[in-house]
C-alpha atoms as a PDB file:
ATOM      1  CA  UNK A   1      62.057 -27.844 -44.960  1.00  0.00           C
ATOM      2  CA  UNK A   2      60.740 -24.289 -45.338  1.00  0.00           C
ATOM      3  CA  UNK A   3      57.091 -24.465 -44.287  1.00  0.00           C
ATOM      4  CA  UNK A   4      56.393 -20.759 -44.845  1.00  0.00           C
ATOM      5  CA  UNK A   5      57.626 -17.892 -46.954  1.00  0.00           C
ATOM      6  CA  UNK A   6      57.592 -14.122 -46.357  1.00  0.00           C
ATOM      7  CA  UNK A   7      57.305 -11.759 -49.327  1.00  0.00           C
ATOM      8  CA  UNK A   8      58.246  -8.088 -48.971  1.00  0.00           C
ATOM      9  CA  UNK A   9      57.484  -5.283 -51.425  1.00  0.00           C
ATOM     10  CA  UNK A  10      60.321  -2.745 -51.255  1.00  0.00           C
ATOM     11  CA  UNK A  11      60.394   0.970 -51.982  1.00  0.00           C
ATOM     12  CA  UNK A  12      63.012   2.985 -53.832  1.00  0.00           C
ATOM     13  CA  UNK A  13      65.244   3.142 -50.755  1.00  0.00           C
ATOM     14  CA  UNK A  14      64.703  -0.571 -49.979  1.00  0.00           C
ATOM     15  CA  UNK A  15      62.251   0.366 -47.250  1.00  0.00           C
ATOM     16  CA  UNK A  16      59.547  -2.242 -46.710  1.00  0.00           C
ATOM     17  CA  UNK A  17      56.217  -1.065 -48.130  1.00  0.00           C
ATOM     18  CA  UNK A  18      54.393  -4.301 -47.485  1.00  0.00           C
ATOM     19  CA  UNK A  19      55.188  -7.642 -45.871  1.00  0.00           C
ATOM     20  CA  UNK A  20      53.080 -10.802 -46.043  1.00  0.00           C
ATOM     21  CA  UNK A  21      53.585 -14.309 -44.781  1.00  0.00           C
ATOM     22  CA  UNK A  22      52.254 -17.344 -46.716  1.00  0.00           C
ATOM     23  CA  UNK A  23      52.079 -21.018 -45.899  1.00  0.00           C
ATOM     24  CA  UNK A  24      50.523 -22.365 -49.123  1.00  0.00           C
ATOM     25  CA  UNK A  25      52.790 -23.992 -51.731  1.00  0.00           C
ATOM     26  CA  UNK A  26      51.754 -21.615 -54.542  1.00  0.00           C
ATOM     27  CA  UNK A  27      51.688 -17.798 -54.385  1.00  0.00           C
ATOM     28  CA  UNK A  28      50.535 -15.670 -57.300  1.00  0.00           C
ATOM     29  CA  UNK A  29      51.743 -12.065 -57.651  1.00  0.00           C
ATOM     30  CA  UNK A  30      50.328  -9.334 -59.877  1.00  0.00           C
ATOM     31  CA  UNK A  31      47.888  -6.426 -60.237  1.00  0.00           C
ATOM     32  CA  UNK A  32      44.720  -8.478 -60.351  1.00  0.00           C
ATOM     33  CA  UNK A  33      42.672  -8.639 -57.177  1.00  0.00           C
ATOM     34  CA  UNK A  34      42.650 -12.424 -57.382  1.00  0.00           C
ATOM     35  CA  UNK A  35      46.383 -12.596 -56.576  1.00  0.00           C
ATOM     36  CA  UNK A  36      47.761 -13.611 -53.210  1.00  0.00           C
ATOM     37  CA  UNK A  37      50.063 -10.557 -53.310  1.00  0.00           C
ATOM     38  CA  UNK A  38      48.664  -7.529 -55.144  1.00  0.00           C
ATOM     39  CA  UNK A  39      51.167  -5.106 -56.691  1.00  0.00           C
ATOM     40  CA  UNK A  40      49.909  -1.618 -57.452  1.00  0.00           C
ATOM     41  CA  UNK A  41      52.039  -0.812 -60.493  1.00  0.00           C
ATOM     42  CA  UNK A  42      51.030  -0.328 -64.120  1.00  0.00           C
ATOM     43  CA  UNK A  43      54.235  -2.076 -65.228  1.00  0.00           C
ATOM     44  CA  UNK A  44      53.138  -5.326 -63.587  1.00  0.00           C
ATOM     45  CA  UNK A  45      50.791  -7.735 -65.382  1.00  0.00           C
ATOM     46  CA  UNK A  46      47.448  -8.803 -63.993  1.00  0.00           C
ATOM     47  CA  UNK A  47      49.065 -12.103 -63.064  1.00  0.00           C
ATOM     48  CA  UNK A  48      52.775 -11.418 -63.299  1.00  0.00           C
ATOM     49  CA  UNK A  49      54.618 -14.188 -61.455  1.00  0.00           C
ATOM     50  CA  UNK A  50      54.156 -17.235 -59.299  1.00  0.00           C
ATOM     51  CA  UNK A  51      56.125 -18.570 -56.372  1.00  0.00           C
ATOM     52  CA  UNK A  52      55.859 -22.336 -56.114  1.00  0.00           C
ATOM     53  CA  UNK A  53      57.350 -24.975 -53.872  1.00  0.00           C
ATOM     54  CA  UNK A  54      58.373 -28.408 -55.078  1.00  0.00           C
ATOM     55  CA  UNK A  55      57.836 -31.637 -53.214  1.00  0.00           C
ATOM     56  CA  UNK A  56      61.443 -31.401 -52.011  1.00  0.00           C
ATOM     57  CA  UNK A  57      60.711 -28.022 -50.423  1.00  0.00           C
ATOM     58  CA  UNK A  58      62.617 -25.874 -52.949  1.00  0.00           C
ATOM     59  CA  UNK A  59      60.967 -22.581 -53.833  1.00  0.00           C
ATOM     60  CA  UNK A  60      61.106 -21.179 -57.385  1.00  0.00           C
ATOM     61  CA  UNK A  61      59.830 -18.010 -59.013  1.00  0.00           C
ATOM     62  CA  UNK A  62      58.165 -18.365 -62.412  1.00  0.00           C
ATOM     63  CA  UNK A  63      57.368 -15.667 -64.977  1.00  0.00           C
ATOM     64  CA  UNK A  64      53.810 -15.975 -66.334  1.00  0.00           C
ATOM     65  CA  UNK A  65      54.505 -14.461 -69.780  1.00  0.00           C
ATOM     66  CA  UNK A  66      54.554 -10.935 -68.356  1.00  0.00           C
ATOM     67  CA  UNK A  67      55.280  -7.892 -70.503  1.00  0.00           C
ATOM     68  CA  UNK A  68      58.263  -6.626 -68.502  1.00  0.00           C
ATOM     69  CA  UNK A  69      59.409  -9.962 -67.121  1.00  0.00           C
ATOM     70  CA  UNK A  70      61.314 -10.816 -63.973  1.00  0.00           C
ATOM     71  CA  UNK A  71      64.905  -9.795 -63.254  1.00  0.00           C
ATOM     72  CA  UNK A  72      67.205 -10.154 -60.328  1.00  0.00           C
ATOM     73  CA  UNK A  73      67.912  -6.935 -58.451  1.00  0.00           C
ATOM     74  CA  UNK A  74      71.401  -6.547 -59.934  1.00  0.00           C
ATOM     75  CA  UNK A  75      70.800  -8.333 -63.219  1.00  0.00           C
ATOM     76  CA  UNK A  76      69.730  -7.178 -66.672  1.00  0.00           C
ATOM     77  CA  UNK A  77      68.447 -10.390 -68.225  1.00  0.00           C
ATOM     78  CA  UNK A  78      64.896 -11.508 -67.671  1.00  0.00           C
ATOM     79  CA  UNK A  79      64.339 -14.969 -66.272  1.00  0.00           C
ATOM     80  CA  UNK A  80      61.583 -17.488 -66.963  1.00  0.00           C
ATOM     81  CA  UNK A  81      62.175 -19.594 -63.895  1.00  0.00           C
ATOM     82  CA  UNK A  82      64.726 -19.347 -61.112  1.00  0.00           C
ATOM     83  CA  UNK A  83      65.313 -21.094 -57.802  1.00  0.00           C
ATOM     84  CA  UNK A  84      64.856 -18.822 -54.799  1.00  0.00           C
ATOM     85  CA  UNK A  85      67.218 -18.509 -51.878  1.00  0.00           C
ATOM     86  CA  UNK A  86      66.151 -16.812 -48.683  1.00  0.00           C
ATOM     87  CA  UNK A  87      66.845 -13.074 -48.992  1.00  0.00           C
ATOM     88  CA  UNK A  88      66.765 -12.950 -52.815  1.00  0.00           C
ATOM     89  CA  UNK A  89      65.425  -9.760 -54.412  1.00  0.00           C
ATOM     90  CA  UNK A  90      63.614  -9.772 -57.762  1.00  0.00           C
ATOM     91  CA  UNK A  91      62.283  -6.988 -59.985  1.00  0.00           C
ATOM     92  CA  UNK A  92      58.728  -7.513 -61.208  1.00  0.00           C
ATOM     93  CA  UNK A  93      58.205  -4.653 -63.629  1.00  0.00           C
ATOM     94  CA  UNK A  94      59.486  -1.781 -61.520  1.00  0.00           C
ATOM     95  CA  UNK A  95      58.701  -3.384 -58.169  1.00  0.00           C
ATOM     96  CA  UNK A  96      61.314  -4.862 -55.879  1.00  0.00           C
ATOM     97  CA  UNK A  97      60.192  -8.041 -54.183  1.00  0.00           C
ATOM     98  CA  UNK A  98      62.291  -9.680 -51.487  1.00  0.00           C
ATOM     99  CA  UNK A  99      61.648 -13.238 -50.402  1.00  0.00           C
ATOM    100  CA  UNK A 100      62.489 -14.758 -47.034  1.00  0.00           C
ATOM    101  CA  UNK A 101      61.895 -18.239 -45.732  1.00  0.00           C
ATOM    102  CA  UNK A 102      60.301 -18.663 -42.347  1.00  0.00           C
ATOM    103  CA  UNK A 103      63.524 -19.948 -40.797  1.00  0.00           C
ATOM    104  CA  UNK A 104      65.629 -17.004 -42.053  1.00  0.00           C
ATOM    105  CA  UNK A 105      67.785 -15.635 -39.170  1.00  0.00           C
ATOM    106  CA  UNK A 106      67.265 -12.051 -38.062  1.00  0.00           C
ATOM    107  CA  UNK A 107      69.739  -9.634 -36.535  1.00  0.00           C
ATOM    108  CA  UNK A 108      69.771  -9.245 -32.736  1.00  0.00           C
ATOM    109  CA  UNK A 109      67.522  -6.571 -31.277  1.00  0.00           C
ATOM    110  CA  UNK A 110      69.135  -3.149 -30.909  1.00  0.00           C
ATOM    111  CA  UNK A 111      68.891  -1.603 -27.483  1.00  0.00           C
ATOM    112  CA  UNK A 112      67.120   1.756 -27.481  1.00  0.00           C
ATOM    113  CA  UNK A 113      69.689   4.429 -26.640  1.00  0.00           C
ATOM    114  CA  UNK A 114      68.932   7.303 -24.327  1.00  0.00           C
ATOM    115  CA  UNK A 115      69.261   9.777 -27.194  1.00  0.00           C
ATOM    116  CA  UNK A 116      66.596   7.938 -29.182  1.00  0.00           C
ATOM    117  CA  UNK A 117      64.350   7.814 -26.120  1.00  0.00           C
ATOM    118  CA  UNK A 118      64.861  11.546 -25.744  1.00  0.00           C
ATOM    119  CA  UNK A 119      63.847  12.168 -29.360  1.00  0.00           C
ATOM    120  CA  UNK A 120      60.642  10.200 -28.851  1.00  0.00           C
ATOM    121  CA  UNK A 121      59.969  11.971 -25.541  1.00  0.00           C
ATOM    122  CA  UNK A 122      60.217  15.305 -27.336  1.00  0.00           C
ATOM    123  CA  UNK A 123      57.118  14.348 -29.317  1.00  0.00           C
ATOM    124  CA  UNK A 124      54.824  14.797 -26.316  1.00  0.00           C
ATOM    125  CA  UNK A 125      52.573  17.869 -26.659  1.00  0.00           C
ATOM    126  CA  UNK A 126      53.379  19.350 -23.253  1.00  0.00           C
ATOM    127  CA  UNK A 127      57.125  19.051 -23.954  1.00  0.00           C
ATOM    128  CA  UNK A 128      56.679  20.901 -27.239  1.00  0.00           C
ATOM    129  CA  UNK A 129      54.654  23.685 -25.578  1.00  0.00           C
ATOM    130  CA  UNK A 130      57.247  24.042 -22.807  1.00  0.00           C
ATOM    131  CA  UNK A 131      60.143  24.263 -25.271  1.00  0.00           C
ATOM    132  CA  UNK A 132      58.336  26.842 -27.394  1.00  0.00           C
ATOM    133  CA  UNK A 133      57.751  28.935 -24.254  1.00  0.00           C
ATOM    134  CA  UNK A 134      61.434  28.661 -23.265  1.00  0.00           C
ATOM    135  CA  UNK A 135      62.556  29.494 -26.793  1.00  0.00           C
ATOM    136  CA  UNK A 136      60.360  32.583 -26.959  1.00  0.00           C
ATOM    137  CA  UNK A 137      61.672  33.596 -23.529  1.00  0.00           C
ATOM    138  CA  UNK A 138      65.293  33.297 -24.612  1.00  0.00           C
ATOM    139  CA  UNK A 139      64.729  35.246 -27.815  1.00  0.00           C
ATOM    140  CA  UNK A 140      62.723  37.876 -25.937  1.00  0.00           C
ATOM    141  CA  UNK A 141      65.445  38.294 -23.322  1.00  0.00           C
ATOM    142  CA  UNK A 142      68.180  38.610 -25.945  1.00  0.00           C
ATOM    143  CA  UNK A 143      66.124  41.079 -27.991  1.00  0.00           C
ATOM    144  CA  UNK A 144      65.137  43.182 -24.963  1.00  0.00           C
ATOM    145  CA  UNK A 145      68.663  43.604 -23.603  1.00  0.00           C
ATOM    146  CA  UNK A 146      70.269  44.189 -27.013  1.00  0.00           C
ATOM    147  CA  UNK A 147      67.713  46.755 -28.234  1.00  0.00           C
ATOM    148  CA  UNK A 148      69.002  50.319 -28.386  1.00  0.00           C
ATOM    149  CA  UNK A 149      66.259  52.703 -27.351  1.00  0.00           C
ATOM    150  CA  UNK A 150      62.669  51.693 -26.707  1.00  0.00           C
ATOM    151  CA  UNK A 151      61.748  48.018 -26.909  1.00  0.00           C
ATOM    152  CA  UNK A 152      58.671  47.419 -29.087  1.00  0.00           C
ATOM    153  CA  UNK A 153      56.702  44.209 -29.204  1.00  0.00           C
ATOM    154  CA  UNK A 154      55.770  44.805 -32.827  1.00  0.00           C
ATOM    155  CA  UNK A 155      59.451  44.871 -33.813  1.00  0.00           C
ATOM    156  CA  UNK A 156      60.112  41.692 -31.857  1.00  0.00           C
ATOM    157  CA  UNK A 157      57.334  39.728 -33.553  1.00  0.00           C
ATOM    158  CA  UNK A 158      58.156  41.044 -37.027  1.00  0.00           C
ATOM    159  CA  UNK A 159      61.838  40.163 -36.619  1.00  0.00           C
ATOM    160  CA  UNK A 160      61.015  36.587 -35.555  1.00  0.00           C
ATOM    161  CA  UNK A 161      58.062  35.946 -37.865  1.00  0.00           C
ATOM    162  CA  UNK A 162      60.199  34.594 -40.714  1.00  0.00           C
ATOM    163  CA  UNK A 163      62.013  32.260 -38.341  1.00  0.00           C
ATOM    164  CA  UNK A 164      58.679  30.956 -37.017  1.00  0.00           C
ATOM    165  CA  UNK A 165      57.482  30.304 -40.578  1.00  0.00           C
ATOM    166  CA  UNK A 166      60.726  28.417 -41.196  1.00  0.00           C
ATOM    167  CA  UNK A 167      59.878  26.250 -38.174  1.00  0.00           C
ATOM    168  CA  UNK A 168      56.573  25.187 -39.645  1.00  0.00           C
ATOM    169  CA  UNK A 169      57.744  24.845 -43.260  1.00  0.00           C
ATOM    170  CA  UNK A 170      60.832  22.796 -42.452  1.00  0.00           C
ATOM    171  CA  UNK A 171      58.965  20.467 -40.103  1.00  0.00           C
ATOM    172  CA  UNK A 172      56.184  19.924 -42.662  1.00  0.00           C
ATOM    173  CA  UNK A 173      58.686  19.227 -45.477  1.00  0.00           C
ATOM    174  CA  UNK A 174      60.621  16.666 -43.439  1.00  0.00           C
ATOM    175  CA  UNK A 175      57.437  15.006 -42.214  1.00  0.00           C
ATOM    176  CA  UNK A 176      56.007  14.632 -45.716  1.00  0.00           C
ATOM    177  CA  UNK A 177      59.330  13.244 -46.937  1.00  0.00           C
ATOM    178  CA  UNK A 178      59.089  10.570 -44.250  1.00  0.00           C
ATOM    179  CA  UNK A 179      55.515   9.806 -45.330  1.00  0.00           C
ATOM    180  CA  UNK A 180      56.572   9.737 -48.992  1.00  0.00           C
ATOM    181  CA  UNK A 181      59.207   7.114 -48.255  1.00  0.00           C
ATOM    182  CA  UNK A 182      56.695   5.218 -46.106  1.00  0.00           C
ATOM    183  CA  UNK A 183      58.779   5.639 -42.971  1.00  0.00           C
ATOM    184  CA  UNK A 184      56.047   7.435 -41.057  1.00  0.00           C
ATOM    185  CA  UNK A 185      56.844   9.275 -37.879  1.00  0.00           C
ATOM    186  CA  UNK A 186      55.271  11.582 -35.344  1.00  0.00           C
ATOM    187  CA  UNK A 187      54.722  15.111 -36.663  1.00  0.00           C
ATOM    188  CA  UNK A 188      54.950  16.479 -33.123  1.00  0.00           C
ATOM    189  CA  UNK A 189      58.383  14.864 -32.780  1.00  0.00           C
ATOM    190  CA  UNK A 190      59.589  16.599 -35.951  1.00  0.00           C
ATOM    191  CA  UNK A 191      58.410  19.993 -34.690  1.00  0.00           C
ATOM    192  CA  UNK A 192      59.848  19.371 -31.218  1.00  0.00           C
ATOM    193  CA  UNK A 193      63.274  18.411 -32.550  1.00  0.00           C
ATOM    194  CA  UNK A 194      63.310  21.527 -34.715  1.00  0.00           C
ATOM    195  CA  UNK A 195      62.338  23.752 -31.771  1.00  0.00           C
ATOM    196  CA  UNK A 196      64.932  22.050 -29.538  1.00  0.00           C
ATOM    197  CA  UNK A 197      67.677  22.653 -32.105  1.00  0.00           C
ATOM    198  CA  UNK A 198      66.701  26.300 -32.563  1.00  0.00           C
ATOM    199  CA  UNK A 199      66.460  26.696 -28.783  1.00  0.00           C
ATOM    200  CA  UNK A 200      69.991  25.354 -28.402  1.00  0.00           C
ATOM    201  CA  UNK A 201      71.109  27.677 -31.180  1.00  0.00           C
ATOM    202  CA  UNK A 202      69.509  30.681 -29.449  1.00  0.00           C
ATOM    203  CA  UNK A 203      71.153  29.808 -26.121  1.00  0.00           C
ATOM    204  CA  UNK A 204      74.573  29.431 -27.765  1.00  0.00           C
ATOM    205  CA  UNK A 205      74.103  32.679 -29.683  1.00  0.00           C
ATOM    206  CA  UNK A 206      73.209  34.630 -26.535  1.00  0.00           C
ATOM    207  CA  UNK A 207      76.135  33.073 -24.642  1.00  0.00           C
ATOM    208  CA  UNK A 208      78.535  34.085 -27.411  1.00  0.00           C
ATOM    209  CA  UNK A 209      77.121  37.615 -27.411  1.00  0.00           C
ATOM    210  CA  UNK A 210      77.832  37.894 -23.699  1.00  0.00           C
ATOM    211  CA  UNK A 211      81.329  36.494 -24.303  1.00  0.00           C
ATOM    212  CA  UNK A 212      81.887  39.004 -27.112  1.00  0.00           C
ATOM    213  CA  UNK A 213      80.683  41.795 -24.858  1.00  0.00           C
ATOM    214  CA  UNK A 214      83.308  40.818 -22.285  1.00  0.00           C
ATOM    215  CA  UNK A 215      86.102  39.967 -24.730  1.00  0.00           C
ATOM    216  CA  UNK A 216      89.177  41.951 -25.544  1.00  0.00           C
ATOM    217  CA  UNK A 217      90.706  42.343 -28.979  1.00  0.00           C
ATOM    218  CA  UNK A 218      92.796  39.183 -28.605  1.00  0.00           C
ATOM    219  CA  UNK A 219      89.695  37.010 -28.065  1.00  0.00           C
ATOM    220  CA  UNK A 220      87.601  38.121 -31.032  1.00  0.00           C
ATOM    221  CA  UNK A 221      89.160  35.480 -33.273  1.00  0.00           C
ATOM    222  CA  UNK A 222      88.479  32.704 -30.751  1.00  0.00           C
ATOM    223  CA  UNK A 223      84.842  33.727 -30.359  1.00  0.00           C
ATOM    224  CA  UNK A 224      84.316  33.822 -34.120  1.00  0.00           C
ATOM    225  CA  UNK A 225      85.735  30.276 -34.327  1.00  0.00           C
ATOM    226  CA  UNK A 226      83.424  29.103 -31.549  1.00  0.00           C
ATOM    227  CA  UNK A 227      80.493  30.691 -33.363  1.00  0.00           C
ATOM    228  CA  UNK A 228      81.361  28.800 -36.554  1.00  0.00           C
ATOM    229  CA  UNK A 229      81.799  25.521 -34.654  1.00  0.00           C
ATOM    230  CA  UNK A 230      78.439  26.033 -32.929  1.00  0.00           C
ATOM    231  CA  UNK A 231      76.752  26.540 -36.297  1.00  0.00           C
ATOM    232  CA  UNK A 232      78.154  23.272 -37.672  1.00  0.00           C
ATOM    233  CA  UNK A 233      77.182  21.478 -34.458  1.00  0.00           C
ATOM    234  CA  UNK A 234      73.572  22.673 -34.758  1.00  0.00           C
ATOM    235  CA  UNK A 235      73.369  21.455 -38.374  1.00  0.00           C
ATOM    236  CA  UNK A 236      74.825  18.078 -37.415  1.00  0.00           C
ATOM    237  CA  UNK A 237      72.408  17.574 -34.509  1.00  0.00           C
ATOM    238  CA  UNK A 238      69.390  18.444 -36.635  1.00  0.00           C
ATOM    239  CA  UNK A 239      70.387  16.191 -39.540  1.00  0.00           C
ATOM    240  CA  UNK A 240      71.222  13.357 -37.154  1.00  0.00           C
ATOM    241  CA  UNK A 241      67.852  13.656 -35.427  1.00  0.00           C
ATOM    242  CA  UNK A 242      65.834  13.908 -38.632  1.00  0.00           C
ATOM    243  CA  UNK A 243      67.504  10.849 -40.149  1.00  0.00           C
ATOM    244  CA  UNK A 244      66.337   8.879 -37.128  1.00  0.00           C
ATOM    245  CA  UNK A 245      62.821  10.285 -36.806  1.00  0.00           C
ATOM    246  CA  UNK A 246      61.938  10.434 -40.500  1.00  0.00           C
ATOM    247  CA  UNK A 247      63.884   7.541 -42.007  1.00  0.00           C
ATOM    248  CA  UNK A 248      64.830   5.313 -39.046  1.00  0.00           C
ATOM    249  CA  UNK A 249      68.447   5.066 -40.196  1.00  0.00           C
ATOM    250  CA  UNK A 250      70.857   3.170 -37.984  1.00  0.00           C
ATOM    251  CA  UNK A 251      73.230   5.037 -35.664  1.00  0.00           C
ATOM    252  CA  UNK A 252      76.227   4.430 -37.925  1.00  0.00           C
ATOM    253  CA  UNK A 253      74.425   5.336 -41.114  1.00  0.00           C
ATOM    254  CA  UNK A 254      72.874   8.578 -39.888  1.00  0.00           C
ATOM    255  CA  UNK A 255      76.176   9.646 -38.308  1.00  0.00           C
ATOM    256  CA  UNK A 256      78.085   9.058 -41.563  1.00  0.00           C
ATOM    257  CA  UNK A 257      75.473  10.897 -43.646  1.00  0.00           C
ATOM    258  CA  UNK A 258      75.376  13.847 -41.231  1.00  0.00           C
ATOM    259  CA  UNK A 259      79.177  14.136 -41.207  1.00  0.00           C
ATOM    260  CA  UNK A 260      79.287  13.906 -45.014  1.00  0.00           C
ATOM    261  CA  UNK A 261      76.758  16.734 -45.412  1.00  0.00           C
ATOM    262  CA  UNK A 262      78.610  18.755 -42.799  1.00  0.00           C
ATOM    263  CA  UNK A 263      81.888  18.235 -44.632  1.00  0.00           C
ATOM    264  CA  UNK A 264      80.350  19.435 -47.894  1.00  0.00           C
ATOM    265  CA  UNK A 265      78.985  22.564 -46.213  1.00  0.00           C
ATOM    266  CA  UNK A 266      82.378  23.214 -44.591  1.00  0.00           C
ATOM    267  CA  UNK A 267      84.218  22.912 -47.908  1.00  0.00           C
ATOM    268  CA  UNK A 268      81.668  25.083 -49.698  1.00  0.00           C
ATOM    269  CA  UNK A 269      81.608  27.852 -47.079  1.00  0.00           C
ATOM    270  CA  UNK A 270      85.206  27.889 -45.908  1.00  0.00           C
ATOM    271  CA  UNK A 271      87.579  26.571 -48.542  1.00  0.00           C
ATOM    272  CA  UNK A 272      85.773  28.136 -51.478  1.00  0.00           C
ATOM    273  CA  UNK A 273      85.981  31.585 -49.874  1.00  0.00           C
ATOM    274  CA  UNK A 274      89.635  31.008 -48.937  1.00  0.00           C
ATOM    275  CA  UNK A 275      88.853  31.663 -45.289  1.00  0.00           C
ATOM    276  CA  UNK A 276      90.768  28.719 -43.887  1.00  0.00           C
ATOM    277  CA  UNK A 277      93.676  30.949 -42.904  1.00  0.00           C
ATOM    278  CA  UNK A 278      91.324  32.825 -40.599  1.00  0.00           C
ATOM    279  CA  UNK A 279      91.227  29.817 -38.294  1.00  0.00           C
ATOM    280  CA  UNK A 280      94.837  30.460 -37.402  1.00  0.00           C
ATOM    281  CA  UNK A 281      94.542  34.191 -36.705  1.00  0.00           C
ATOM    282  CA  UNK A 282      95.041  35.295 -33.129  1.00  0.00           C
ATOM    283  CA  UNK A 283      92.932  38.395 -33.538  1.00  0.00           C
ATOM    284  CA  UNK A 284      90.001  39.485 -35.620  1.00  0.00           C
ATOM    285  CA  UNK A 285      87.575  42.361 -35.591  1.00  0.00           C
ATOM    286  CA  UNK A 286      84.034  41.204 -34.770  1.00  0.00           C
ATOM    287  CA  UNK A 287      81.523  41.485 -37.597  1.00  0.00           C
ATOM    288  CA  UNK A 288      78.825  42.476 -35.114  1.00  0.00           C
ATOM    289  CA  UNK A 289      79.361  44.423 -31.933  1.00  0.00           C
ATOM    290  CA  UNK A 290      77.621  43.110 -28.803  1.00  0.00           C
ATOM    291  CA  UNK A 291      75.614  45.825 -27.066  1.00  0.00           C
ATOM    292  CA  UNK A 292      74.334  44.706 -23.686  1.00  0.00           C
ATOM    293  CA  UNK A 293      73.631  46.317 -20.290  1.00  0.00           C
ATOM    294  CA  UNK A 294      76.550  46.658 -17.825  1.00  0.00           C
ATOM    295  CA  UNK A 295      75.028  43.816 -15.765  1.00  0.00           C
ATOM    296  CA  UNK A 296      76.314  41.352 -18.380  1.00  0.00           C
ATOM    297  CA  UNK A 297      79.880  42.633 -18.075  1.00  0.00           C
ATOM    298  CA  UNK A 298      81.660  39.862 -16.217  1.00  0.00           C
ATOM    299  CA  UNK A 299      85.267  40.913 -16.800  1.00  0.00           C
ATOM    300  CA  UNK A 300      86.647  44.228 -15.624  1.00  0.00           C
ATOM    301  CA  UNK A 301      86.742  46.840 -18.419  1.00  0.00           C
ATOM    302  CA  UNK A 302      89.872  48.819 -19.213  1.00  0.00           C
ATOM    303  CA  UNK A 303      90.324  51.982 -17.236  1.00  0.00           C
ATOM    304  CA  UNK A 304      90.900  55.229 -19.083  1.00  0.00           C
ATOM    305  CA  UNK A 305      94.531  55.312 -17.949  1.00  0.00           C
ATOM    306  CA  UNK A 306      95.137  51.746 -19.182  1.00  0.00           C
ATOM    307  CA  UNK A 307      93.478  52.551 -22.516  1.00  0.00           C
ATOM    308  CA  UNK A 308      95.689  55.639 -22.906  1.00  0.00           C
ATOM    309  CA  UNK A 309      98.781  53.587 -22.077  1.00  0.00           C
ATOM    310  CA  UNK A 310      97.789  51.008 -24.726  1.00  0.00           C
ATOM    311  CA  UNK A 311      97.265  53.808 -27.242  1.00  0.00           C
ATOM    312  CA  UNK A 312     100.692  55.312 -26.502  1.00  0.00           C
ATOM    313  CA  UNK A 313     102.281  51.878 -26.740  1.00  0.00           C
ATOM    314  CA  UNK A 314     100.544  51.312 -30.062  1.00  0.00           C
ATOM    315  CA  UNK A 315     101.894  54.509 -31.590  1.00  0.00           C
ATOM    316  CA  UNK A 316     105.325  53.781 -30.127  1.00  0.00           C
ATOM    317  CA  UNK A 317     105.301  50.334 -31.683  1.00  0.00           C
ATOM    318  CA  UNK A 318     104.196  51.756 -35.035  1.00  0.00           C
ATOM    319  CA  UNK A 319     107.081  54.270 -34.945  1.00  0.00           C
ATOM    320  CA  UNK A 320     109.545  51.483 -34.119  1.00  0.00           C
ATOM    321  CA  UNK A 321     108.280  49.425 -37.046  1.00  0.00           C
ATOM    322  CA  UNK A 322     108.535  52.474 -39.339  1.00  0.00           C
ATOM    323  CA  UNK A 323     112.165  53.079 -38.317  1.00  0.00           C
ATOM    324  CA  UNK A 324     112.988  49.385 -38.792  1.00  0.00           C
ATOM    325  CA  UNK A 325     111.439  49.424 -42.242  1.00  0.00           C
ATOM    326  CA  UNK A 326     113.428  52.519 -43.263  1.00  0.00           C
ATOM    327  CA  UNK A 327     116.678  50.979 -41.989  1.00  0.00           C
ATOM    328  CA  UNK A 328     116.000  47.736 -43.840  1.00  0.00           C
ATOM    329  CA  UNK A 329     115.243  49.639 -47.034  1.00  0.00           C
ATOM    330  CA  UNK A 330     118.428  51.767 -46.745  1.00  0.00           C
ATOM    331  CA  UNK A 331     120.489  48.654 -46.030  1.00  0.00           C
ATOM    332  CA  UNK A 332     119.026  46.867 -49.059  1.00  0.00           C
ATOM    333  CA  UNK A 333     119.718  49.908 -51.231  1.00  0.00           C
ATOM    334  CA  UNK A 334     123.323  50.088 -50.003  1.00  0.00           C
ATOM    335  CA  UNK A 335     123.822  46.394 -50.721  1.00  0.00           C
ATOM    336  CA  UNK A 336     122.396  46.841 -54.221  1.00  0.00           C
ATOM    337  CA  UNK A 337     124.717  49.782 -54.947  1.00  0.00           C
ATOM    338  CA  UNK A 338     127.671  47.844 -53.549  1.00  0.00           C
ATOM    339  CA  UNK A 339     126.924  44.878 -55.785  1.00  0.00           C
ATOM    340  CA  UNK A 340     126.602  47.161 -58.779  1.00  0.00           C
ATOM    341  CA  UNK A 341     129.997  48.842 -58.014  1.00  0.00           C
ATOM    342  CA  UNK A 342     131.613  45.447 -57.554  1.00  0.00           C
ATOM    343  CA  UNK A 343     130.366  44.434 -60.973  1.00  0.00           C
ATOM    344  CA  UNK A 344     131.832  47.563 -62.614  1.00  0.00           C
ATOM    345  CA  UNK A 345     135.224  47.035 -60.946  1.00  0.00           C
ATOM    346  CA  UNK A 346     135.368  43.422 -62.060  1.00  0.00           C
ATOM    347  CA  UNK A 347     134.648  44.394 -65.662  1.00  0.00           C
ATOM    348  CA  UNK A 348     137.376  47.079 -65.533  1.00  0.00           C
END
């Protein structure tokens, strides 16, 4: 026998807005304050429905002549009375109500993973302050060493002001989305995750600038690929973290959603612009030159003599290709004339 029943009011994403446990044999649901379960929805009647248990212990849901009736979650027809099985979902007006019996089995507890513990740890105020300080330090170092001429604090703050505003705006938007869907969450955690992702992005960007500064022509293509991969990785990490903090999605679900969004961005940015062939190029000219002090030069630069030798070799190679092209063109022309003469002789 089911001695108790649990009634859940669900949101648009099937998130639980309210959960109540009852032990009495009759439960009235509606907008009126006299109900056992009060639904705040203008589409629900004052007394919309009743859950009642028979002497045999079978629960049923009964429509009390409501305007919009009762429907099953995936049904279109309204019902006057229906037996209830544990886990059934009904629509009362526009409200989803899920009913569980007290003996309904629940899934095993999920062990908290270290990544999830890390995300929660990031919500501590001192961690956030420390990461902001590190982030500002990284951006300041990169800006100082890459500035041509005199370094000015005013230029540094003006260049990073928009990015700082993006920090606040994006964190506020995500946080209010989580509140809207009744998932809650720690606002400090949202800001910390955003700062951590941007910090990682700044570190990767500075590392790639140093690599570009030390790279030869043959490595420009590789560095541009690494830069693109790093950008997709940053997007994935942020989406994955937000889906946990704001919406408490499972590991599998948030991973699938993050990969799906990443795939859409990849198709939109790469395939639409017909840039996929660039992934197979051995060389490519960098879109932005890396200007850093000599202290960041890890590899030995080319000597003047080696550069001159490469220049001579380049012109020599160009001349060889020019001669080959002329020979191929003359050979093709001779073959064409020979074929034409052969045709005239055969007609004669």
